[in-house]
Amino acid sequence: MQLTIDSAIAQRLAEEGMARTLEVEGDAWIETALEALKRFMQIPGYHEFKTEDFRWWCASEGIAPHSHKVWGALTNTAQRRGLIEFARVEKSRSPKTHGHRVTVWRAVA
């Protein structure tokens, strides 16, 4: 038996999941995190970054979501709003991710 995947359904489910995750965090946290992202991207050396870089910086600034699942939804929101764009894929540095490949984002001027 071969499993077939409908990419439109997969995309819709991903978007629904991200929307639910963002609802749990609340609009105030999302806007705070997006403003933090704008500040973060002004730091020399972070015009391009991995989400893990931003996540670690947020922790040092006391900005923490209720769930770790929000980071993907947050970068998706930032991309839709034109704050960031896809740059490339690289290996993660986080030991928890076991070096899997992650997106490198680029700040949009």
PDB file of N, CA and C in Angstrom:
ATOM      1  N   MET A   1       0.842  -1.181   0.000  1.00  0.00           N
ATOM      2  CA  MET A   1       0.000   0.000   0.000  1.00  0.00           C
ATOM      3  C   MET A   1       0.885   1.240   0.000  1.00  0.00           C
ATOM      4  N   GLN A   2       0.618   2.139  -0.916  1.00  0.00           N
ATOM      5  CA  GLN A   2       1.397   3.365  -0.999  1.00  0.00           C
ATOM      6  C   GLN A   2       0.556   4.524  -0.488  1.00  0.00           C
ATOM      7  N   LEU A   3       1.149   5.332   0.349  1.00  0.00           N
ATOM      8  CA  LEU A   3       0.474   6.489   0.898  1.00  0.00           C
ATOM      9  C   LEU A   3       0.644   7.659  -0.057  1.00  0.00           C
ATOM     10  N   THR A   4      -0.447   8.286  -0.424  1.00  0.00           N
ATOM     11  CA  THR A   4      -0.351   9.479  -1.260  1.00  0.00           C
ATOM     12  C   THR A   4      -0.664  10.684  -0.394  1.00  0.00           C
ATOM     13  N   ILE A   5       0.073  11.740  -0.605  1.00  0.00           N
ATOM     14  CA  ILE A   5      -0.087  12.949   0.190  1.00  0.00           C
ATOM     15  C   ILE A   5      -0.554  14.072  -0.720  1.00  0.00           C
ATOM     16  N   ASP A   6      -1.610  14.692  -0.329  1.00  0.00           N
ATOM     17  CA  ASP A   6      -2.136  15.833  -1.056  1.00  0.00           C
ATOM     18  C   ASP A   6      -1.485  17.080  -0.463  1.00  0.00           C
ATOM     19  N   SER A   7      -0.642  17.756  -1.228  1.00  0.00           N
ATOM     20  CA  SER A   7       0.101  18.901  -0.690  1.00  0.00           C
ATOM     21  C   SER A   7      -0.825  20.043  -0.282  1.00  0.00           C
ATOM     22  N   ALA A   8      -1.953  20.206  -0.959  1.00  0.00           N
ATOM     23  CA  ALA A   8      -2.895  21.267  -0.586  1.00  0.00           C
ATOM     24  C   ALA A   8      -3.501  20.984   0.788  1.00  0.00           C
ATOM     25  N   ILE A   9      -3.831  19.720   1.043  1.00  0.00           N
ATOM     26  CA  ILE A   9      -4.377  19.353   2.346  1.00  0.00           C
ATOM     27  C   ILE A   9      -3.305  19.520   3.420  1.00  0.00           C
ATOM     28  N   ALA A  10      -2.091  19.080   3.130  1.00  0.00           N
ATOM     29  CA  ALA A  10      -0.993  19.216   4.087  1.00  0.00           C
ATOM     30  C   ALA A  10      -0.744  20.683   4.424  1.00  0.00           C
ATOM     31  N   GLN A  11      -0.762  21.541   3.417  1.00  0.00           N
ATOM     32  CA  GLN A  11      -0.557  22.971   3.640  1.00  0.00           C
ATOM     33  C   GLN A  11      -1.676  23.554   4.492  1.00  0.00           C
ATOM     34  N   ARG A  12      -2.909  23.176   4.185  1.00  0.00           N
ATOM     35  CA  ARG A  12      -4.051  23.680   4.957  1.00  0.00           C
ATOM     36  C   ARG A  12      -3.952  23.250   6.417  1.00  0.00           C
ATOM     37  N   LEU A  13      -3.599  21.992   6.654  1.00  0.00           N
ATOM     38  CA  LEU A  13      -3.466  21.500   8.024  1.00  0.00           C
ATOM     39  C   LEU A  13      -2.342  22.217   8.766  1.00  0.00           C
ATOM     40  N   ALA A  14      -1.236  22.478   8.077  1.00  0.00           N
ATOM     41  CA  ALA A  14      -0.130  23.210   8.695  1.00  0.00           C
ATOM     42  C   ALA A  14      -0.573  24.618   9.081  1.00  0.00           C
ATOM     43  N   GLU A  15      -1.284  25.281   8.189  1.00  0.00           N
ATOM     44  CA  GLU A  15      -1.754  26.635   8.479  1.00  0.00           C
ATOM     45  C   GLU A  15      -2.757  26.652   9.624  1.00  0.00           C
ATOM     46  N   GLU A  16      -3.635  25.657   9.672  1.00  0.00           N
ATOM     47  CA  GLU A  16      -4.589  25.569  10.771  1.00  0.00           C
ATOM     48  C   GLU A  16      -3.878  25.346  12.101  1.00  0.00           C
ATOM     49  N   GLY A  17      -2.867  24.493  12.099  1.00  0.00           N
ATOM     50  CA  GLY A  17      -2.099  24.245  13.313  1.00  0.00           C
ATOM     51  C   GLY A  17      -1.370  25.489  13.788  1.00  0.00           C
ATOM     52  N   MET A  18      -0.760  26.226  12.861  1.00  0.00           N
ATOM     53  CA  MET A  18      -0.064  27.459  13.231  1.00  0.00           C
ATOM     54  C   MET A  18      -1.040  28.486  13.768  1.00  0.00           C
ATOM     55  N   ALA A  19      -2.215  28.591  13.160  1.00  0.00           N
ATOM     56  CA  ALA A  19      -3.226  29.545  13.629  1.00  0.00           C
ATOM     57  C   ALA A  19      -3.654  29.214  15.061  1.00  0.00           C
ATOM     58  N   ARG A  20      -3.859  27.919  15.345  1.00  0.00           N
ATOM     59  CA  ARG A  20      -4.247  27.519  16.709  1.00  0.00           C
ATOM     60  C   ARG A  20      -3.131  27.835  17.702  1.00  0.00           C
ATOM     61  N   THR A  21      -1.895  27.593  17.306  1.00  0.00           N
ATOM     62  CA  THR A  21      -0.759  27.876  18.183  1.00  0.00           C
ATOM     63  C   THR A  21      -0.676  29.366  18.487  1.00  0.00           C
ATOM     64  N   LEU A  22      -0.853  30.199  17.467  1.00  0.00           N
ATOM     65  CA  LEU A  22      -0.795  31.642  17.677  1.00  0.00           C
ATOM     66  C   LEU A  22      -1.966  32.131  18.520  1.00  0.00           C
ATOM     67  N   GLU A  23      -3.132  31.519  18.380  1.00  0.00           N
ATOM     68  CA  GLU A  23      -4.285  31.890  19.203  1.00  0.00           C
ATOM     69  C   GLU A  23      -3.989  31.657  20.678  1.00  0.00           C
ATOM     70  N   VAL A  24      -3.328  30.548  20.983  1.00  0.00           N
ATOM     71  CA  VAL A  24      -3.005  30.226  22.375  1.00  0.00           C
ATOM     72  C   VAL A  24      -2.072  31.288  22.957  1.00  0.00           C
ATOM     73  N   GLU A  25      -1.101  31.737  22.176  1.00  0.00           N
ATOM     74  CA  GLU A  25      -0.154  32.751  22.659  1.00  0.00           C
ATOM     75  C   GLU A  25      -0.816  34.104  22.827  1.00  0.00           C
ATOM     76  N   GLY A  26      -1.744  34.429  21.969  1.00  0.00           N
ATOM     77  CA  GLY A  26      -2.424  35.716  22.062  1.00  0.00           C
ATOM     78  C   GLY A  26      -1.760  36.783  21.216  1.00  0.00           C
ATOM     79  N   ASP A  27      -2.570  37.709  20.744  1.00  0.00           N
ATOM     80  CA  ASP A  27      -2.090  38.770  19.862  1.00  0.00           C
ATOM     81  C   ASP A  27      -1.015  39.638  20.508  1.00  0.00           C
ATOM     82  N   ALA A  28      -1.145  39.921  21.795  1.00  0.00           N
ATOM     83  CA  ALA A  28      -0.169  40.800  22.455  1.00  0.00           C
ATOM     84  C   ALA A  28       1.223  40.176  22.416  1.00  0.00           C
ATOM     85  N   TRP A  29       1.330  38.868  22.710  1.00  0.00           N
ATOM     86  CA  TRP A  29       2.636  38.223  22.688  1.00  0.00           C
ATOM     87  C   TRP A  29       3.204  38.204  21.276  1.00  0.00           C
ATOM     88  N   ILE A  30       2.362  37.928  20.305  1.00  0.00           N
ATOM     89  CA  ILE A  30       2.810  37.860  18.913  1.00  0.00           C
ATOM     90  C   ILE A  30       3.382  39.201  18.478  1.00  0.00           C
ATOM     91  N   GLU A  31       2.654  40.276  18.769  1.00  0.00           N
ATOM     92  CA  GLU A  31       3.137  41.606  18.388  1.00  0.00           C
ATOM     93  C   GLU A  31       4.432  41.952  19.125  1.00  0.00           C
ATOM     94  N   THR A  32       4.522  41.571  20.399  1.00  0.00           N
ATOM     95  CA  THR A  32       5.760  41.787  21.165  1.00  0.00           C
ATOM     96  C   THR A  32       6.916  41.039  20.518  1.00  0.00           C
ATOM     97  N   ALA A  33       6.673  39.792  20.140  1.00  0.00           N
ATOM     98  CA  ALA A  33       7.724  38.976  19.525  1.00  0.00           C
ATOM     99  C   ALA A  33       8.133  39.530  18.160  1.00  0.00           C
ATOM    100  N   LEU A  34       7.175  40.029  17.380  1.00  0.00           N
ATOM    101  CA  LEU A  34       7.513  40.608  16.074  1.00  0.00           C
ATOM    102  C   LEU A  34       8.329  41.883  16.232  1.00  0.00           C
ATOM    103  N   GLU A  35       7.999  42.697  17.229  1.00  0.00           N
ATOM    104  CA  GLU A  35       8.803  43.896  17.500  1.00  0.00           C
ATOM    105  C   GLU A  35      10.204  43.498  17.963  1.00  0.00           C
ATOM    106  N   ALA A  36      10.285  42.446  18.770  1.00  0.00           N
ATOM    107  CA  ALA A  36      11.587  41.939  19.207  1.00  0.00           C
ATOM    108  C   ALA A  36      12.394  41.448  18.010  1.00  0.00           C
ATOM    109  N   LEU A  37      11.724  40.786  17.069  1.00  0.00           N
ATOM    110  CA  LEU A  37      12.406  40.308  15.864  1.00  0.00           C
ATOM    111  C   LEU A  37      13.001  41.476  15.084  1.00  0.00           C
ATOM    112  N   LYS A  38      12.260  42.565  14.976  1.00  0.00           N
ATOM    113  CA  LYS A  38      12.778  43.752  14.274  1.00  0.00           C
ATOM    114  C   LYS A  38      14.034  44.270  14.968  1.00  0.00           C
ATOM    115  N   ARG A  39      14.036  44.320  16.298  1.00  0.00           N
ATOM    116  CA  ARG A  39      15.229  44.756  17.039  1.00  0.00           C
ATOM    117  C   ARG A  39      16.378  43.779  16.849  1.00  0.00           C
ATOM    118  N   PHE A  40      16.070  42.496  16.923  1.00  0.00           N
ATOM    119  CA  PHE A  40      17.082  41.449  16.774  1.00  0.00           C
ATOM    120  C   PHE A  40      17.797  41.557  15.431  1.00  0.00           C
ATOM    121  N   MET A  41      17.044  41.804  14.377  1.00  0.00           N
ATOM    122  CA  MET A  41      17.628  41.858  13.033  1.00  0.00           C
ATOM    123  C   MET A  41      18.497  43.098  12.826  1.00  0.00           C
ATOM    124  N   GLN A  42      18.427  44.055  13.745  1.00  0.00           N
ATOM    125  CA  GLN A  42      19.288  45.239  13.692  1.00  0.00           C
ATOM    126  C   GLN A  42      20.658  44.984  14.315  1.00  0.00           C
ATOM    127  N   ILE A  43      20.786  43.901  15.057  1.00  0.00           N
ATOM    128  CA  ILE A  43      22.056  43.567  15.700  1.00  0.00           C
ATOM    129  C   ILE A  43      23.053  43.146  14.614  1.00  0.00           C
ATOM    130  N   PRO A  44      24.245  43.731  14.601  1.00  0.00           N
ATOM    131  CA  PRO A  44      25.233  43.322  13.598  1.00  0.00           C
ATOM    132  C   PRO A  44      25.437  41.810  13.607  1.00  0.00           C
ATOM    133  N   GLY A  45      25.438  41.229  12.428  1.00  0.00           N
ATOM    134  CA  GLY A  45      25.630  39.796  12.288  1.00  0.00           C
ATOM    135  C   GLY A  45      24.339  38.997  12.241  1.00  0.00           C
ATOM    136  N   TYR A  46      23.192  39.651  12.440  1.00  0.00           N
ATOM    137  CA  TYR A  46      21.924  38.929  12.444  1.00  0.00           C
ATOM    138  C   TYR A  46      20.971  39.392  11.348  1.00  0.00           C
ATOM    139  N   HIS A  47      21.528  39.906  10.248  1.00  0.00           N
ATOM    140  CA  HIS A  47      20.705  40.203   9.073  1.00  0.00           C
ATOM    141  C   HIS A  47      20.183  38.883   8.501  1.00  0.00           C
ATOM    142  N   GLU A  48      20.969  37.833   8.651  1.00  0.00           N
ATOM    143  CA  GLU A  48      20.543  36.471   8.346  1.00  0.00           C
ATOM    144  C   GLU A  48      20.660  35.676   9.639  1.00  0.00           C
ATOM    145  N   PHE A  49      19.680  34.825   9.889  1.00  0.00           N
ATOM    146  CA  PHE A  49      19.654  34.121  11.170  1.00  0.00           C
ATOM    147  C   PHE A  49      18.815  32.854  11.070  1.00  0.00           C
ATOM    148  N   LYS A  50      19.054  31.964  12.008  1.00  0.00           N
ATOM    149  CA  LYS A  50      18.214  30.782  12.192  1.00  0.00           C
ATOM    150  C   LYS A  50      17.240  31.099  13.319  1.00  0.00           C
ATOM    151  N   THR A  51      16.089  30.462  13.292  1.00  0.00           N
ATOM    152  CA  THR A  51      15.111  30.686  14.352  1.00  0.00           C
ATOM    153  C   THR A  51      15.718  30.399  15.716  1.00  0.00           C
ATOM    154  N   GLU A  52      16.610  29.409  15.796  1.00  0.00           N
ATOM    155  CA  GLU A  52      17.230  29.091  17.085  1.00  0.00           C
ATOM    156  C   GLU A  52      18.039  30.270  17.618  1.00  0.00           C
ATOM    157  N   ASP A  53      18.664  31.059  16.722  1.00  0.00           N
ATOM    158  CA  ASP A  53      19.396  32.261  17.163  1.00  0.00           C
ATOM    159  C   ASP A  53      18.442  33.264  17.806  1.00  0.00           C
ATOM    160  N   PHE A  54      17.311  33.494  17.139  1.00  0.00           N
ATOM    161  CA  PHE A  54      16.316  34.430  17.658  1.00  0.00           C
ATOM    162  C   PHE A  54      15.721  33.905  18.967  1.00  0.00           C
ATOM    163  N   ARG A  55      15.460  32.613  19.026  1.00  0.00           N
ATOM    164  CA  ARG A  55      14.891  31.995  20.224  1.00  0.00           C
ATOM    165  C   ARG A  55      15.829  32.188  21.418  1.00  0.00           C
ATOM    166  N   TRP A  56      17.130  31.943  21.216  1.00  0.00           N
ATOM    167  CA  TRP A  56      18.095  32.112  22.303  1.00  0.00           C
ATOM    168  C   TRP A  56      18.184  33.574  22.734  1.00  0.00           C
ATOM    169  N   TRP A  57      18.146  34.504  21.769  1.00  0.00           N
ATOM    170  CA  TRP A  57      18.185  35.926  22.102  1.00  0.00           C
ATOM    171  C   TRP A  57      16.942  36.312  22.897  1.00  0.00           C
ATOM    172  N   CYS A  58      15.781  35.827  22.465  1.00  0.00           N
ATOM    173  CA  CYS A  58      14.541  36.129  23.188  1.00  0.00           C
ATOM    174  C   CYS A  58      14.625  35.656  24.638  1.00  0.00           C
ATOM    175  N   ALA A  59      15.167  34.477  24.838  1.00  0.00           N
ATOM    176  CA  ALA A  59      15.300  33.957  26.212  1.00  0.00           C
ATOM    177  C   ALA A  59      16.156  34.898  27.054  1.00  0.00           C
ATOM    178  N   SER A  60      17.223  35.437  26.460  1.00  0.00           N
ATOM    179  CA  SER A  60      18.090  36.358  27.203  1.00  0.00           C
ATOM    180  C   SER A  60      17.403  37.693  27.486  1.00  0.00           C
ATOM    181  N   GLU A  61      16.372  38.010  26.699  1.00  0.00           N
ATOM    182  CA  GLU A  61      15.617  39.255  26.867  1.00  0.00           C
ATOM    183  C   GLU A  61      14.348  39.053  27.697  1.00  0.00           C
ATOM    184  N   GLY A  62      14.119  37.824  28.144  1.00  0.00           N
ATOM    185  CA  GLY A  62      12.928  37.534  28.939  1.00  0.00           C
ATOM    186  C   GLY A  62      11.652  37.411  28.119  1.00  0.00           C
ATOM    187  N   ILE A  63      11.788  37.144  26.836  1.00  0.00           N
ATOM    188  CA  ILE A  63      10.634  36.987  25.953  1.00  0.00           C
ATOM    189  C   ILE A  63      10.455  35.489  25.723  1.00  0.00           C
ATOM    190  N   ALA A  64       9.403  34.929  26.303  1.00  0.00           N
ATOM    191  CA  ALA A  64       9.206  33.483  26.205  1.00  0.00           C
ATOM    192  C   ALA A  64       7.739  33.164  25.925  1.00  0.00           C
ATOM    193  N   PRO A  65       7.487  32.319  24.951  1.00  0.00           N
ATOM    194  CA  PRO A  65       6.109  31.905  24.680  1.00  0.00           C
ATOM    195  C   PRO A  65       5.669  30.819  25.662  1.00  0.00           C
ATOM    196  N   HIS A  66       4.381  30.531  25.658  1.00  0.00           N
ATOM    197  CA  HIS A  66       3.861  29.439  26.482  1.00  0.00           C
ATOM    198  C   HIS A  66       4.280  28.084  25.916  1.00  0.00           C
ATOM    199  N   SER A  67       4.430  28.010  24.601  1.00  0.00           N
ATOM    200  CA  SER A  67       4.758  26.747  23.939  1.00  0.00           C
ATOM    201  C   SER A  67       5.881  26.956  22.932  1.00  0.00           C
ATOM    202  N   HIS A  68       6.799  25.988  22.850  1.00  0.00           N
ATOM    203  CA  HIS A  68       7.886  26.062  21.865  1.00  0.00           C
ATOM    204  C   HIS A  68       7.353  25.953  20.441  1.00  0.00           C
ATOM    205  N   LYS A  69       6.121  25.489  20.285  1.00  0.00           N
ATOM    206  CA  LYS A  69       5.546  25.317  18.953  1.00  0.00           C
ATOM    207  C   LYS A  69       5.288  26.643  18.244  1.00  0.00           C
ATOM    208  N   VAL A  70       5.333  27.738  18.969  1.00  0.00           N
ATOM    209  CA  VAL A  70       4.994  29.030  18.382  1.00  0.00           C
ATOM    210  C   VAL A  70       6.073  29.579  17.446  1.00  0.00           C
ATOM    211  N   TRP A  71       7.318  29.113  17.570  1.00  0.00           N
ATOM    212  CA  TRP A  71       8.403  29.718  16.793  1.00  0.00           C
ATOM    213  C   TRP A  71       8.202  29.567  15.289  1.00  0.00           C
ATOM    214  N   GLY A  72       7.775  28.420  14.835  1.00  0.00           N
ATOM    215  CA  GLY A  72       7.512  28.238  13.406  1.00  0.00           C
ATOM    216  C   GLY A  72       6.366  29.110  12.932  1.00  0.00           C
ATOM    217  N   ALA A  73       5.321  29.196  13.746  1.00  0.00           N
ATOM    218  CA  ALA A  73       4.184  30.047  13.399  1.00  0.00           C
ATOM    219  C   ALA A  73       4.594  31.518  13.379  1.00  0.00           C
ATOM    220  N   LEU A  74       5.472  31.896  14.293  1.00  0.00           N
ATOM    221  CA  LEU A  74       5.923  33.281  14.346  1.00  0.00           C
ATOM    222  C   LEU A  74       6.753  33.651  13.115  1.00  0.00           C
ATOM    223  N   THR A  75       7.671  32.773  12.702  1.00  0.00           N
ATOM    224  CA  THR A  75       8.458  33.091  11.506  1.00  0.00           C
ATOM    225  C   THR A  75       7.572  33.086  10.258  1.00  0.00           C
ATOM    226  N   ASN A  76       6.566  32.229  10.242  1.00  0.00           N
ATOM    227  CA  ASN A  76       5.616  32.226   9.128  1.00  0.00           C
ATOM    228  C   ASN A  76       4.875  33.569   9.069  1.00  0.00           C
ATOM    229  N   THR A  77       4.448  34.070  10.220  1.00  0.00           N
ATOM    230  CA  THR A  77       3.771  35.365  10.291  1.00  0.00           C
ATOM    231  C   THR A  77       4.706  36.483   9.837  1.00  0.00           C
ATOM    232  N   ALA A  78       5.946  36.446  10.308  1.00  0.00           N
ATOM    233  CA  ALA A  78       6.927  37.471   9.922  1.00  0.00           C
ATOM    234  C   ALA A  78       7.179  37.442   8.419  1.00  0.00           C
ATOM    235  N   GLN A  79       7.215  36.250   7.844  1.00  0.00           N
ATOM    236  CA  GLN A  79       7.417  36.137   6.396  1.00  0.00           C
ATOM    237  C   GLN A  79       6.208  36.707   5.646  1.00  0.00           C
ATOM    238  N   ARG A  80       5.003  36.359   6.088  1.00  0.00           N
ATOM    239  CA  ARG A  80       3.793  36.871   5.435  1.00  0.00           C
ATOM    240  C   ARG A  80       3.701  38.393   5.528  1.00  0.00           C
ATOM    241  N   ARG A  81       4.206  38.955   6.610  1.00  0.00           N
ATOM    242  CA  ARG A  81       4.170  40.414   6.782  1.00  0.00           C
ATOM    243  C   ARG A  81       5.325  41.116   6.080  1.00  0.00           C
ATOM    244  N   GLY A  82       6.199  40.344   5.449  1.00  0.00           N
ATOM    245  CA  GLY A  82       7.289  40.937   4.686  1.00  0.00           C
ATOM    246  C   GLY A  82       8.488  41.359   5.507  1.00  0.00           C
ATOM    247  N   LEU A  83       8.625  40.840   6.724  1.00  0.00           N
ATOM    248  CA  LEU A  83       9.766  41.191   7.574  1.00  0.00           C
ATOM    249  C   LEU A  83      10.994  40.354   7.252  1.00  0.00           C
ATOM    250  N   ILE A  84      10.756  39.094   6.853  1.00  0.00           N
ATOM    251  CA  ILE A  84      11.856  38.171   6.569  1.00  0.00           C
ATOM    252  C   ILE A  84      11.563  37.401   5.291  1.00  0.00           C
ATOM    253  N   GLU A  85      12.633  36.833   4.729  1.00  0.00           N
ATOM    254  CA  GLU A  85      12.481  35.973   3.556  1.00  0.00           C
ATOM    255  C   GLU A  85      13.429  34.794   3.693  1.00  0.00           C
ATOM    256  N   PHE A  86      13.113  33.723   2.986  1.00  0.00           N
ATOM    257  CA  PHE A  86      13.953  32.529   2.986  1.00  0.00           C
ATOM    258  C   PHE A  86      15.312  32.864   2.383  1.00  0.00           C
ATOM    259  N   ALA A  87      16.379  32.415   3.040  1.00  0.00           N
ATOM    260  CA  ALA A  87      17.728  32.617   2.501  1.00  0.00           C
ATOM    261  C   ALA A  87      18.304  31.283   2.011  1.00  0.00           C
ATOM    262  N   ARG A  88      18.303  30.278   2.890  1.00  0.00           N
ATOM    263  CA  ARG A  88      18.857  28.962   2.554  1.00  0.00           C
ATOM    264  C   ARG A  88      18.568  28.010   3.711  1.00  0.00           C
ATOM    265  N   VAL A  89      19.083  26.806   3.602  1.00  0.00           N
ATOM    266  CA  VAL A  89      18.940  25.805   4.659  1.00  0.00           C
ATOM    267  C   VAL A  89      20.332  25.407   5.128  1.00  0.00           C
ATOM    268  N   GLU A  90      20.502  25.272   6.452  1.00  0.00           N
ATOM    269  CA  GLU A  90      21.769  24.845   7.055  1.00  0.00           C
ATOM    270  C   GLU A  90      21.470  23.883   8.194  1.00  0.00           C
ATOM    271  N   LYS A  91      22.511  23.257   8.711  1.00  0.00           N
ATOM    272  CA  LYS A  91      22.350  22.404   9.886  1.00  0.00           C
ATOM    273  C   LYS A  91      22.151  23.254  11.134  1.00  0.00           C
ATOM    274  N   SER A  92      21.319  22.746  12.023  1.00  0.00           N
ATOM    275  CA  SER A  92      21.089  23.391  13.309  1.00  0.00           C
ATOM    276  C   SER A  92      22.308  23.214  14.209  1.00  0.00           C
ATOM    277  N   ARG A  93      22.482  24.143  15.136  1.00  0.00           N
ATOM    278  CA  ARG A  93      23.544  24.025  16.139  1.00  0.00           C
ATOM    279  C   ARG A  93      23.004  23.491  17.460  1.00  0.00           C
ATOM    280  N   SER A  94      21.695  23.475  17.610  1.00  0.00           N
ATOM    281  CA  SER A  94      21.077  23.057  18.863  1.00  0.00           C
ATOM    282  C   SER A  94      21.205  21.546  19.065  1.00  0.00           C
ATOM    283  N   PRO A  95      21.754  21.123  20.205  1.00  0.00           N
ATOM    284  CA  PRO A  95      21.867  19.684  20.465  1.00  0.00           C
ATOM    285  C   PRO A  95      20.512  18.966  20.448  1.00  0.00           C
ATOM    286  N   LYS A  96      19.447  19.660  20.858  1.00  0.00           N
ATOM    287  CA  LYS A  96      18.110  19.047  20.885  1.00  0.00           C
ATOM    288  C   LYS A  96      17.635  18.641  19.492  1.00  0.00           C
ATOM    289  N   THR A  97      18.096  19.337  18.477  1.00  0.00           N
ATOM    290  CA  THR A  97      17.622  19.042  17.115  1.00  0.00           C
ATOM    291  C   THR A  97      18.480  18.004  16.409  1.00  0.00           C
ATOM    292  N   HIS A  98      19.552  17.577  17.066  1.00  0.00           N
ATOM    293  CA  HIS A  98      20.438  16.553  16.504  1.00  0.00           C
ATOM    294  C   HIS A  98      20.997  16.960  15.137  1.00  0.00           C
ATOM    295  N   GLY A  99      21.223  18.258  14.964  1.00  0.00           N
ATOM    296  CA  GLY A  99      21.853  18.742  13.739  1.00  0.00           C
ATOM    297  C   GLY A  99      20.995  18.672  12.493  1.00  0.00           C
ATOM    298  N   HIS A 100      19.673  18.580  12.670  1.00  0.00           N
ATOM    299  CA  HIS A 100      18.855  18.533  11.449  1.00  0.00           C
ATOM    300  C   HIS A 100      18.881  19.879  10.732  1.00  0.00           C
ATOM    301  N   ARG A 101      18.419  19.889   9.520  1.00  0.00           N
ATOM    302  CA  ARG A 101      18.478  21.087   8.688  1.00  0.00           C
ATOM    303  C   ARG A 101      17.372  22.059   9.070  1.00  0.00           C
ATOM    304  N   VAL A 102      17.731  23.344   9.142  1.00  0.00           N
ATOM    305  CA  VAL A 102      16.780  24.398   9.492  1.00  0.00           C
ATOM    306  C   VAL A 102      16.904  25.552   8.507  1.00  0.00           C
ATOM    307  N   THR A 103      15.877  26.357   8.468  1.00  0.00           N
ATOM    308  CA  THR A 103      15.854  27.512   7.574  1.00  0.00           C
ATOM    309  C   THR A 103      16.721  28.638   8.114  1.00  0.00           C
ATOM    310  N   VAL A 104      17.447  29.282   7.232  1.00  0.00           N
ATOM    311  CA  VAL A 104      18.131  30.535   7.528  1.00  0.00           C
ATOM    312  C   VAL A 104      17.264  31.621   6.897  1.00  0.00           C
ATOM    313  N   TRP A 105      16.875  32.578   7.734  1.00  0.00           N
ATOM    314  CA  TRP A 105      16.028  33.689   7.295  1.00  0.00           C
ATOM    315  C   TRP A 105      16.870  34.925   7.024  1.00  0.00           C
ATOM    316  N   ARG A 106      16.423  35.781   6.153  1.00  0.00           N
ATOM    317  CA  ARG A 106      17.084  37.039   5.834  1.00  0.00           C
ATOM    318  C   ARG A 106      16.107  38.187   6.115  1.00  0.00           C
ATOM    319  N   ALA A 107      16.615  39.218   6.780  1.00  0.00           N
ATOM    320  CA  ALA A 107      15.793  40.406   7.033  1.00  0.00           C
ATOM    321  C   ALA A 107      15.482  41.091   5.709  1.00  0.00           C
ATOM    322  N   VAL A 108      14.263  41.551   5.561  1.00  0.00           N
ATOM    323  CA  VAL A 108      13.867  42.296   4.364  1.00  0.00           C
ATOM    324  C   VAL A 108      13.990  43.777   4.708  1.00  0.00           C
ATOM    325  N   ALA A 109      14.712  44.494   3.893  1.00  0.00           N
ATOM    326  CA  ALA A 109      14.945  45.934   4.159  1.00  0.00           C
ATOM    327  C   ALA A 109      13.664  46.716   4.027  1.00  0.00           C
TER     328      ALA A 109
END
